[in-house]
Amino acid sequence: MHIRRATTDHEIDVCFPVMSELRPHLVRPEVVALVRRMEREGGFELAFLEDDETIVAVAGYRILDDFARGRYLYVDDLVTAAAHRSRGYGSGLLDWLRAEAARRGCGRLHLDSGMQRKDAHRFYEREGLGAVSLHFAVEIASGGELVEEGATAKPDVRRSPQRAAREAGRDA
């Protein structure tokens, strides 16, 4: 079992089959360019666990600083290939991420997990991670329409039914 960062285009590309199990919307011909952009613009790093020359687990992560958490390692993606689960690979990669966080001066490791991923939640809890917050999100439309100079434009966002009702009451 060997864990290392994916630094070459080839290493990034061969992580795709495992990463696509967690992120099925990814398209293989675009992944290397996407990872390279995320590295440049957001400090993204990709690591993989290889056993017997087969990549069986992948993690995407970043080192971040903010007011609430200080310096921490944020795990964007953590996945073990379905055919290789329950063999200690996920634990091994998570241990490597903890060590990487310590090596880089981080006080914590954070990750978000989709509410529907109950098996993943049980894994994280077994590994000593605790649920410490809720993550909220809203989709922002990116229509790309041009706005005339001097005009103001409200962003086109999806509103909850409660917010739409409140706003409708104000405008009436």
N, C-alpha and C. Protein backbone atom coordinates (compact mmCIF):
# COMPACT_ATOMS: atom_id res chain seq x y z
N MET A 1 0.86 -1.18 0.00
CA MET A 1 0.00 0.00 0.00
C MET A 1 0.90 1.23 0.00
N HIS A 2 0.67 2.12 -0.98
CA HIS A 2 1.48 3.31 -1.12
C HIS A 2 0.57 4.51 -1.40
N ILE A 3 0.82 5.62 -0.71
CA ILE A 3 0.03 6.84 -0.92
C ILE A 3 0.96 7.96 -1.36
N ARG A 4 0.54 8.69 -2.38
CA ARG A 4 1.31 9.85 -2.81
C ARG A 4 0.41 10.84 -3.54
N ARG A 5 0.95 12.04 -3.73
CA ARG A 5 0.23 13.07 -4.48
C ARG A 5 0.30 12.77 -5.97
N ALA A 6 -0.77 13.08 -6.67
CA ALA A 6 -0.79 12.98 -8.13
C ALA A 6 -0.21 14.29 -8.66
N THR A 7 0.97 14.22 -9.24
CA THR A 7 1.63 15.44 -9.71
C THR A 7 1.74 15.51 -11.23
N THR A 8 1.68 14.37 -11.90
CA THR A 8 1.78 14.39 -13.37
C THR A 8 0.39 14.29 -13.98
N ASP A 9 0.27 14.70 -15.22
CA ASP A 9 -1.01 14.57 -15.92
C ASP A 9 -1.45 13.11 -15.96
N HIS A 10 -0.51 12.20 -16.16
CA HIS A 10 -0.84 10.77 -16.21
C HIS A 10 -1.41 10.30 -14.86
N GLU A 11 -0.77 10.69 -13.76
CA GLU A 11 -1.27 10.28 -12.44
C GLU A 11 -2.67 10.83 -12.18
N ILE A 12 -2.91 12.08 -12.58
CA ILE A 12 -4.26 12.66 -12.43
C ILE A 12 -5.25 11.86 -13.25
N ASP A 13 -4.90 11.56 -14.49
CA ASP A 13 -5.80 10.83 -15.38
C ASP A 13 -6.14 9.45 -14.85
N VAL A 14 -5.16 8.73 -14.31
CA VAL A 14 -5.44 7.36 -13.86
C VAL A 14 -6.22 7.34 -12.54
N CYS A 15 -6.38 8.49 -11.88
CA CYS A 15 -7.25 8.58 -10.71
C CYS A 15 -8.72 8.68 -11.11
N PHE A 16 -8.98 9.00 -12.38
CA PHE A 16 -10.34 9.25 -12.84
C PHE A 16 -11.33 8.13 -12.54
N PRO A 17 -11.03 6.86 -12.85
CA PRO A 17 -12.06 5.82 -12.61
C PRO A 17 -12.54 5.79 -11.16
N VAL A 18 -11.65 5.95 -10.20
CA VAL A 18 -12.06 5.94 -8.80
C VAL A 18 -12.82 7.23 -8.47
N MET A 19 -12.28 8.38 -8.87
CA MET A 19 -12.95 9.66 -8.58
C MET A 19 -14.34 9.70 -9.19
N SER A 20 -14.51 9.11 -10.36
CA SER A 20 -15.83 9.17 -11.02
C SER A 20 -16.89 8.36 -10.28
N GLU A 21 -16.48 7.45 -9.40
CA GLU A 21 -17.47 6.74 -8.59
C GLU A 21 -18.17 7.70 -7.62
N LEU A 22 -17.43 8.71 -7.14
CA LEU A 22 -18.01 9.73 -6.27
C LEU A 22 -18.58 10.89 -7.07
N ARG A 23 -17.93 11.22 -8.18
CA ARG A 23 -18.31 12.38 -9.01
C ARG A 23 -18.62 11.91 -10.43
N PRO A 24 -19.77 11.24 -10.62
CA PRO A 24 -20.08 10.66 -11.94
C PRO A 24 -20.30 11.69 -13.04
N HIS A 25 -20.48 12.94 -12.69
CA HIS A 25 -20.68 13.99 -13.70
C HIS A 25 -19.38 14.38 -14.41
N LEU A 26 -18.24 13.97 -13.87
CA LEU A 26 -16.95 14.32 -14.49
C LEU A 26 -16.78 13.61 -15.82
N VAL A 27 -16.10 14.28 -16.74
CA VAL A 27 -15.84 13.74 -18.06
C VAL A 27 -14.33 13.56 -18.19
N ARG A 28 -13.91 12.33 -18.46
CA ARG A 28 -12.47 12.03 -18.41
C ARG A 28 -11.60 12.97 -19.24
N PRO A 29 -11.94 13.30 -20.48
CA PRO A 29 -11.03 14.16 -21.25
C PRO A 29 -10.84 15.56 -20.64
N GLU A 30 -11.70 15.96 -19.73
CA GLU A 30 -11.63 17.30 -19.12
C GLU A 30 -10.99 17.31 -17.74
N VAL A 31 -10.79 16.15 -17.14
CA VAL A 31 -10.38 16.09 -15.74
C VAL A 31 -8.99 16.66 -15.49
N VAL A 32 -8.02 16.35 -16.31
CA VAL A 32 -6.67 16.85 -16.08
C VAL A 32 -6.67 18.38 -16.12
N ALA A 33 -7.31 18.98 -17.12
CA ALA A 33 -7.36 20.44 -17.21
C ALA A 33 -8.10 21.04 -16.02
N LEU A 34 -9.17 20.38 -15.58
CA LEU A 34 -9.93 20.87 -14.43
C LEU A 34 -9.08 20.82 -13.16
N VAL A 35 -8.39 19.72 -12.93
CA VAL A 35 -7.53 19.61 -11.75
C VAL A 35 -6.43 20.67 -11.82
N ARG A 36 -5.82 20.85 -12.96
CA ARG A 36 -4.76 21.87 -13.10
C ARG A 36 -5.29 23.26 -12.80
N ARG A 37 -6.50 23.58 -13.26
CA ARG A 37 -7.10 24.89 -12.94
C ARG A 37 -7.40 25.01 -11.45
N MET A 38 -7.93 23.96 -10.85
CA MET A 38 -8.22 23.98 -9.41
C MET A 38 -6.93 24.12 -8.60
N GLU A 39 -5.85 23.52 -9.06
CA GLU A 39 -4.55 23.68 -8.39
C GLU A 39 -4.11 25.15 -8.44
N ARG A 40 -4.16 25.73 -9.63
CA ARG A 40 -3.72 27.12 -9.81
C ARG A 40 -4.59 28.11 -9.03
N GLU A 41 -5.90 27.95 -9.13
CA GLU A 41 -6.82 28.95 -8.60
C GLU A 41 -7.25 28.70 -7.16
N GLY A 42 -7.18 27.46 -6.69
CA GLY A 42 -7.71 27.19 -5.36
C GLY A 42 -6.84 26.35 -4.46
N GLY A 43 -5.63 26.04 -4.90
CA GLY A 43 -4.74 25.26 -4.05
C GLY A 43 -5.10 23.80 -3.93
N PHE A 44 -5.89 23.29 -4.87
CA PHE A 44 -6.33 21.89 -4.84
C PHE A 44 -5.14 20.95 -4.98
N GLU A 45 -5.19 19.83 -4.26
CA GLU A 45 -4.19 18.78 -4.37
C GLU A 45 -4.93 17.45 -4.46
N LEU A 46 -4.35 16.52 -5.18
CA LEU A 46 -4.96 15.21 -5.38
C LEU A 46 -3.97 14.15 -4.90
N ALA A 47 -4.45 13.25 -4.05
CA ALA A 47 -3.61 12.15 -3.57
C ALA A 47 -4.31 10.84 -3.89
N PHE A 48 -3.52 9.78 -4.01
CA PHE A 48 -4.12 8.48 -4.29
C PHE A 48 -3.40 7.38 -3.52
N LEU A 49 -4.16 6.34 -3.24
CA LEU A 49 -3.65 5.16 -2.58
C LEU A 49 -3.60 4.05 -3.62
N GLU A 50 -2.43 3.45 -3.74
CA GLU A 50 -2.21 2.41 -4.73
C GLU A 50 -1.84 1.12 -3.99
N ASP A 51 -2.45 0.02 -4.40
CA ASP A 51 -2.11 -1.27 -3.84
C ASP A 51 -1.93 -2.24 -5.00
N ASP A 52 -0.81 -2.90 -5.02
CA ASP A 52 -0.49 -3.84 -6.09
C ASP A 52 -0.66 -3.18 -7.47
N GLU A 53 -0.14 -1.96 -7.58
CA GLU A 53 -0.16 -1.17 -8.81
C GLU A 53 -1.56 -0.82 -9.31
N THR A 54 -2.54 -0.84 -8.40
CA THR A 54 -3.92 -0.46 -8.73
C THR A 54 -4.33 0.69 -7.82
N ILE A 55 -4.85 1.76 -8.41
CA ILE A 55 -5.35 2.87 -7.61
C ILE A 55 -6.70 2.46 -7.04
N VAL A 56 -6.80 2.46 -5.71
CA VAL A 56 -8.02 1.98 -5.05
C VAL A 56 -8.73 3.06 -4.25
N ALA A 57 -8.06 4.19 -3.98
CA ALA A 57 -8.69 5.28 -3.23
C ALA A 57 -8.05 6.60 -3.66
N VAL A 58 -8.87 7.65 -3.63
CA VAL A 58 -8.43 8.98 -4.08
C VAL A 58 -8.98 10.03 -3.12
N ALA A 59 -8.19 11.09 -2.91
CA ALA A 59 -8.63 12.22 -2.09
C ALA A 59 -8.21 13.52 -2.76
N GLY A 60 -9.16 14.45 -2.85
CA GLY A 60 -8.86 15.81 -3.27
C GLY A 60 -8.96 16.69 -2.04
N TYR A 61 -7.99 17.59 -1.86
CA TYR A 61 -7.98 18.39 -0.64
C TYR A 61 -7.29 19.73 -0.88
N ARG A 62 -7.45 20.63 0.09
CA ARG A 62 -6.83 21.95 0.05
C ARG A 62 -6.37 22.33 1.46
N ILE A 63 -5.35 23.16 1.53
CA ILE A 63 -4.97 23.76 2.81
C ILE A 63 -5.56 25.16 2.79
N LEU A 64 -6.37 25.47 3.80
CA LEU A 64 -7.09 26.75 3.86
C LEU A 64 -6.86 27.45 5.19
N ASP A 65 -7.09 28.74 5.19
CA ASP A 65 -7.09 29.56 6.41
C ASP A 65 -8.36 30.39 6.39
N ASP A 66 -9.04 30.46 7.52
CA ASP A 66 -10.15 31.41 7.64
C ASP A 66 -10.32 31.81 9.10
N PHE A 67 -11.16 32.82 9.34
CA PHE A 67 -11.34 33.34 10.69
C PHE A 67 -11.95 32.31 11.63
N ALA A 68 -12.89 31.51 11.15
CA ALA A 68 -13.60 30.58 12.02
C ALA A 68 -12.75 29.37 12.41
N ARG A 69 -11.93 28.88 11.50
CA ARG A 69 -11.24 27.62 11.73
C ARG A 69 -9.72 27.74 11.86
N GLY A 70 -9.17 28.89 11.52
CA GLY A 70 -7.72 29.00 11.47
C GLY A 70 -7.19 28.27 10.25
N ARG A 71 -6.05 27.61 10.40
CA ARG A 71 -5.45 26.85 9.29
C ARG A 71 -5.94 25.41 9.39
N TYR A 72 -6.46 24.88 8.27
CA TYR A 72 -7.00 23.53 8.27
C TYR A 72 -6.89 22.88 6.91
N LEU A 73 -6.97 21.57 6.91
CA LEU A 73 -7.01 20.81 5.67
C LEU A 73 -8.47 20.49 5.39
N TYR A 74 -8.93 20.89 4.20
CA TYR A 74 -10.30 20.63 3.79
C TYR A 74 -10.30 19.54 2.74
N VAL A 75 -11.06 18.48 2.99
CA VAL A 75 -11.16 17.36 2.05
C VAL A 75 -12.35 17.61 1.14
N ASP A 76 -12.07 17.84 -0.14
CA ASP A 76 -13.12 18.02 -1.15
C ASP A 76 -13.74 16.68 -1.52
N ASP A 77 -12.89 15.69 -1.67
CA ASP A 77 -13.32 14.39 -2.19
C ASP A 77 -12.53 13.29 -1.47
N LEU A 78 -13.22 12.25 -1.06
CA LEU A 78 -12.57 11.09 -0.46
C LEU A 78 -13.38 9.87 -0.89
N VAL A 79 -12.76 9.02 -1.67
CA VAL A 79 -13.50 7.87 -2.21
C VAL A 79 -12.57 6.66 -2.35
N THR A 80 -13.12 5.53 -1.97
CA THR A 80 -12.48 4.24 -2.21
C THR A 80 -13.32 3.52 -3.26
N ALA A 81 -12.67 2.92 -4.23
CA ALA A 81 -13.39 2.17 -5.27
C ALA A 81 -14.30 1.13 -4.61
N ALA A 82 -15.52 1.04 -5.10
CA ALA A 82 -16.51 0.15 -4.49
C ALA A 82 -15.98 -1.28 -4.36
N ALA A 83 -15.25 -1.75 -5.33
CA ALA A 83 -14.74 -3.13 -5.30
C ALA A 83 -13.64 -3.34 -4.25
N HIS A 84 -13.16 -2.24 -3.66
CA HIS A 84 -12.05 -2.34 -2.70
C HIS A 84 -12.41 -1.80 -1.31
N ARG A 85 -13.68 -1.57 -1.05
CA ARG A 85 -14.08 -1.03 0.26
C ARG A 85 -13.98 -2.10 1.34
N SER A 86 -13.94 -1.60 2.59
CA SER A 86 -13.88 -2.45 3.79
C SER A 86 -12.59 -3.27 3.85
N ARG A 87 -11.50 -2.71 3.31
CA ARG A 87 -10.19 -3.36 3.38
C ARG A 87 -9.15 -2.44 4.03
N GLY A 88 -9.62 -1.31 4.59
CA GLY A 88 -8.71 -0.40 5.29
C GLY A 88 -8.12 0.69 4.42
N TYR A 89 -8.48 0.74 3.14
CA TYR A 89 -7.90 1.75 2.25
C TYR A 89 -8.39 3.16 2.60
N GLY A 90 -9.68 3.30 2.86
CA GLY A 90 -10.22 4.61 3.24
C GLY A 90 -9.60 5.11 4.53
N SER A 91 -9.47 4.22 5.51
CA SER A 91 -8.82 4.59 6.78
C SER A 91 -7.37 4.98 6.55
N GLY A 92 -6.68 4.22 5.71
CA GLY A 92 -5.28 4.53 5.42
C GLY A 92 -5.12 5.88 4.76
N LEU A 93 -5.99 6.21 3.81
CA LEU A 93 -5.91 7.50 3.14
C LEU A 93 -6.29 8.63 4.08
N LEU A 94 -7.29 8.40 4.93
CA LEU A 94 -7.67 9.42 5.91
C LEU A 94 -6.53 9.64 6.92
N ASP A 95 -5.87 8.59 7.35
CA ASP A 95 -4.70 8.74 8.23
C ASP A 95 -3.61 9.56 7.55
N TRP A 96 -3.39 9.31 6.26
CA TRP A 96 -2.40 10.07 5.50
C TRP A 96 -2.79 11.56 5.45
N LEU A 97 -4.08 11.82 5.24
CA LEU A 97 -4.56 13.21 5.22
C LEU A 97 -4.37 13.89 6.58
N ARG A 98 -4.61 13.16 7.67
CA ARG A 98 -4.35 13.71 9.01
C ARG A 98 -2.88 14.06 9.17
N ALA A 99 -2.01 13.16 8.75
CA ALA A 99 -0.57 13.42 8.84
C ALA A 99 -0.16 14.59 7.96
N GLU A 100 -0.74 14.69 6.78
CA GLU A 100 -0.46 15.82 5.88
C GLU A 100 -0.91 17.13 6.53
N ALA A 101 -2.07 17.11 7.18
CA ALA A 101 -2.56 18.31 7.88
C ALA A 101 -1.57 18.72 8.97
N ALA A 102 -1.12 17.77 9.75
CA ALA A 102 -0.15 18.08 10.82
C ALA A 102 1.15 18.59 10.24
N ARG A 103 1.64 17.93 9.19
CA ARG A 103 2.90 18.33 8.54
C ARG A 103 2.82 19.76 8.01
N ARG A 104 1.64 20.18 7.57
CA ARG A 104 1.46 21.50 6.96
C ARG A 104 0.99 22.54 7.98
N GLY A 105 0.99 22.21 9.25
CA GLY A 105 0.67 23.18 10.29
C GLY A 105 -0.81 23.44 10.48
N CYS A 106 -1.64 22.49 10.14
CA CYS A 106 -3.09 22.65 10.28
C CYS A 106 -3.55 22.17 11.65
N GLY A 107 -4.53 22.86 12.20
CA GLY A 107 -5.07 22.47 13.49
C GLY A 107 -6.23 21.49 13.40
N ARG A 108 -6.82 21.37 12.20
CA ARG A 108 -7.99 20.50 12.03
C ARG A 108 -8.06 19.98 10.60
N LEU A 109 -8.86 18.95 10.44
CA LEU A 109 -9.24 18.43 9.14
C LEU A 109 -10.76 18.56 9.06
N HIS A 110 -11.25 19.10 7.95
CA HIS A 110 -12.69 19.27 7.74
C HIS A 110 -13.10 18.61 6.43
N LEU A 111 -14.33 18.15 6.37
CA LEU A 111 -14.92 17.72 5.11
C LEU A 111 -16.43 17.85 5.20
N ASP A 112 -17.07 17.98 4.07
CA ASP A 112 -18.53 17.96 3.97
C ASP A 112 -18.92 16.63 3.35
N SER A 113 -20.10 16.16 3.70
CA SER A 113 -20.58 14.91 3.13
C SER A 113 -22.07 15.07 2.86
N GLY A 114 -22.50 14.65 1.69
CA GLY A 114 -23.91 14.76 1.32
C GLY A 114 -24.80 14.07 2.36
N MET A 115 -25.94 14.67 2.62
CA MET A 115 -26.85 14.14 3.64
C MET A 115 -27.27 12.69 3.36
N GLN A 116 -27.31 12.31 2.09
CA GLN A 116 -27.77 10.97 1.70
C GLN A 116 -26.69 9.91 1.88
N ARG A 117 -25.47 10.30 2.17
CA ARG A 117 -24.34 9.35 2.20
C ARG A 117 -24.17 8.72 3.60
N LYS A 118 -25.17 8.02 4.05
CA LYS A 118 -25.20 7.46 5.41
C LYS A 118 -24.03 6.51 5.68
N ASP A 119 -23.66 5.68 4.71
CA ASP A 119 -22.52 4.77 4.92
C ASP A 119 -21.24 5.56 5.14
N ALA A 120 -21.06 6.63 4.37
CA ALA A 120 -19.87 7.48 4.54
C ALA A 120 -19.88 8.11 5.93
N HIS A 121 -21.05 8.55 6.39
CA HIS A 121 -21.14 9.18 7.71
C HIS A 121 -20.72 8.20 8.81
N ARG A 122 -21.17 6.95 8.70
CA ARG A 122 -20.78 5.94 9.69
C ARG A 122 -19.27 5.72 9.65
N PHE A 123 -18.69 5.71 8.45
CA PHE A 123 -17.24 5.56 8.31
C PHE A 123 -16.53 6.72 9.00
N TYR A 124 -16.96 7.96 8.72
CA TYR A 124 -16.29 9.12 9.32
C TYR A 124 -16.39 9.09 10.85
N GLU A 125 -17.55 8.71 11.36
CA GLU A 125 -17.71 8.62 12.81
C GLU A 125 -16.80 7.55 13.40
N ARG A 126 -16.68 6.40 12.75
CA ARG A 126 -15.75 5.35 13.21
C ARG A 126 -14.32 5.84 13.21
N GLU A 127 -14.02 6.75 12.28
CA GLU A 127 -12.66 7.28 12.15
C GLU A 127 -12.40 8.47 13.07
N GLY A 128 -13.40 8.81 13.91
CA GLY A 128 -13.21 9.87 14.89
C GLY A 128 -13.61 11.27 14.45
N LEU A 129 -14.21 11.41 13.29
CA LEU A 129 -14.69 12.72 12.85
C LEU A 129 -16.08 12.95 13.42
N GLY A 130 -16.35 14.17 13.84
CA GLY A 130 -17.65 14.50 14.38
C GLY A 130 -18.40 15.47 13.48
N ALA A 131 -19.71 15.37 13.47
CA ALA A 131 -20.54 16.32 12.72
C ALA A 131 -20.60 17.61 13.55
N VAL A 132 -20.00 18.68 13.03
CA VAL A 132 -19.88 19.91 13.82
C VAL A 132 -20.64 21.09 13.24
N SER A 133 -21.21 20.95 12.05
CA SER A 133 -21.97 22.06 11.47
C SER A 133 -22.84 21.56 10.34
N LEU A 134 -23.74 22.42 9.89
CA LEU A 134 -24.51 22.17 8.68
C LEU A 134 -23.96 23.06 7.59
N HIS A 135 -24.00 22.60 6.37
CA HIS A 135 -23.52 23.38 5.23
C HIS A 135 -24.74 23.77 4.41
N PHE A 136 -24.92 25.06 4.16
CA PHE A 136 -26.05 25.54 3.39
C PHE A 136 -25.58 26.02 2.03
N ALA A 137 -26.42 25.91 1.01
CA ALA A 137 -26.03 26.30 -0.33
C ALA A 137 -27.25 26.76 -1.12
N VAL A 138 -26.99 27.56 -2.14
CA VAL A 138 -28.02 27.97 -3.09
C VAL A 138 -27.35 28.02 -4.46
N GLU A 139 -28.06 27.57 -5.48
CA GLU A 139 -27.50 27.63 -6.83
C GLU A 139 -27.67 29.04 -7.38
N ILE A 140 -26.65 29.51 -8.07
CA ILE A 140 -26.66 30.83 -8.70
C ILE A 140 -26.65 30.62 -10.20
N ALA A 141 -27.63 31.17 -10.89
CA ALA A 141 -27.65 31.07 -12.35
C ALA A 141 -26.53 31.93 -12.91
N SER A 142 -25.90 31.45 -13.96
CA SER A 142 -24.80 32.20 -14.56
C SER A 142 -25.12 32.44 -16.02
N GLY A 143 -26.24 33.10 -16.27
CA GLY A 143 -26.74 33.33 -17.62
C GLY A 143 -25.78 34.04 -18.54
N GLY A 144 -24.88 34.85 -17.99
CA GLY A 144 -23.91 35.53 -18.83
C GLY A 144 -24.48 36.69 -19.62
N GLU A 145 -25.68 37.14 -19.27
CA GLU A 145 -26.26 38.26 -20.00
C GLU A 145 -25.46 39.53 -19.74
N LEU A 146 -25.38 40.38 -20.75
CA LEU A 146 -24.70 41.66 -20.60
C LEU A 146 -25.65 42.65 -19.96
N VAL A 147 -25.13 43.49 -19.10
CA VAL A 147 -25.92 44.52 -18.44
C VAL A 147 -25.46 45.86 -18.99
N GLU A 148 -26.42 46.72 -19.39
CA GLU A 148 -26.05 48.03 -19.93
C GLU A 148 -25.31 48.83 -18.88
N GLU A 149 -24.36 49.62 -19.33
CA GLU A 149 -23.56 50.43 -18.42
C GLU A 149 -24.47 51.31 -17.57
N GLY A 150 -24.19 51.35 -16.29
CA GLY A 150 -24.97 52.17 -15.36
C GLY A 150 -26.21 51.48 -14.82
N ALA A 151 -26.62 50.37 -15.44
CA ALA A 151 -27.80 49.66 -14.96
C ALA A 151 -27.40 48.73 -13.83
N THR A 152 -28.33 48.47 -12.94
CA THR A 152 -28.06 47.50 -11.87
C THR A 152 -28.87 46.25 -12.18
N ALA A 153 -28.32 45.14 -11.87
CA ALA A 153 -28.99 43.87 -12.14
C ALA A 153 -28.99 43.04 -10.88
N LYS A 154 -30.15 42.48 -10.57
CA LYS A 154 -30.22 41.54 -9.46
C LYS A 154 -29.79 40.18 -9.99
N PRO A 155 -29.00 39.46 -9.20
CA PRO A 155 -28.64 38.11 -9.66
C PRO A 155 -29.87 37.23 -9.72
N ASP A 156 -29.89 36.35 -10.68
CA ASP A 156 -30.99 35.39 -10.83
C ASP A 156 -30.69 34.20 -9.94
N VAL A 157 -31.29 34.13 -8.77
CA VAL A 157 -31.04 33.02 -7.86
C VAL A 157 -32.32 32.24 -7.66
N ARG A 158 -32.17 30.99 -7.33
CA ARG A 158 -33.34 30.17 -6.99
C ARG A 158 -33.71 30.49 -5.56
N ARG A 159 -34.96 30.83 -5.34
CA ARG A 159 -35.41 31.19 -4.01
C ARG A 159 -36.27 30.09 -3.42
N SER A 160 -36.18 29.96 -2.13
CA SER A 160 -37.04 29.00 -1.46
C SER A 160 -38.47 29.50 -1.54
N PRO A 161 -39.45 28.60 -1.44
CA PRO A 161 -40.85 29.04 -1.45
C PRO A 161 -41.14 30.04 -0.33
N GLN A 162 -40.49 29.85 0.83
CA GLN A 162 -40.71 30.77 1.95
C GLN A 162 -40.18 32.17 1.61
N ARG A 163 -38.99 32.23 1.01
CA ARG A 163 -38.42 33.53 0.67
C ARG A 163 -39.25 34.20 -0.43
N ALA A 164 -39.67 33.44 -1.43
CA ALA A 164 -40.48 34.00 -2.52
C ALA A 164 -41.78 34.58 -1.96
N ALA A 165 -42.39 33.88 -1.00
CA ALA A 165 -43.65 34.37 -0.40
C ALA A 165 -43.39 35.65 0.38
N ARG A 166 -42.30 35.71 1.12
CA ARG A 166 -41.96 36.93 1.87
C ARG A 166 -41.75 38.10 0.92
N GLU A 167 -41.00 37.87 -0.16
CA GLU A 167 -40.72 38.95 -1.11
C GLU A 167 -41.98 39.38 -1.83
N ALA A 168 -42.86 38.44 -2.16
CA ALA A 168 -44.11 38.77 -2.84
C ALA A 168 -44.98 39.63 -1.92
N GLY A 169 -44.97 39.33 -0.63
CA GLY A 169 -45.74 40.12 0.34
C GLY A 169 -45.21 41.54 0.45
N ARG A 170 -43.91 41.71 0.36
CA ARG A 170 -43.31 43.05 0.43
C ARG A 170 -43.61 43.87 -0.80
N ASP A 171 -43.62 43.21 -1.97
CA ASP A 171 -43.81 43.94 -3.22
C ASP A 171 -45.28 44.28 -3.45
N ALA A 172 -46.20 43.61 -2.79
CA ALA A 172 -47.63 43.81 -3.04
C ALA A 172 -48.12 45.11 -2.44
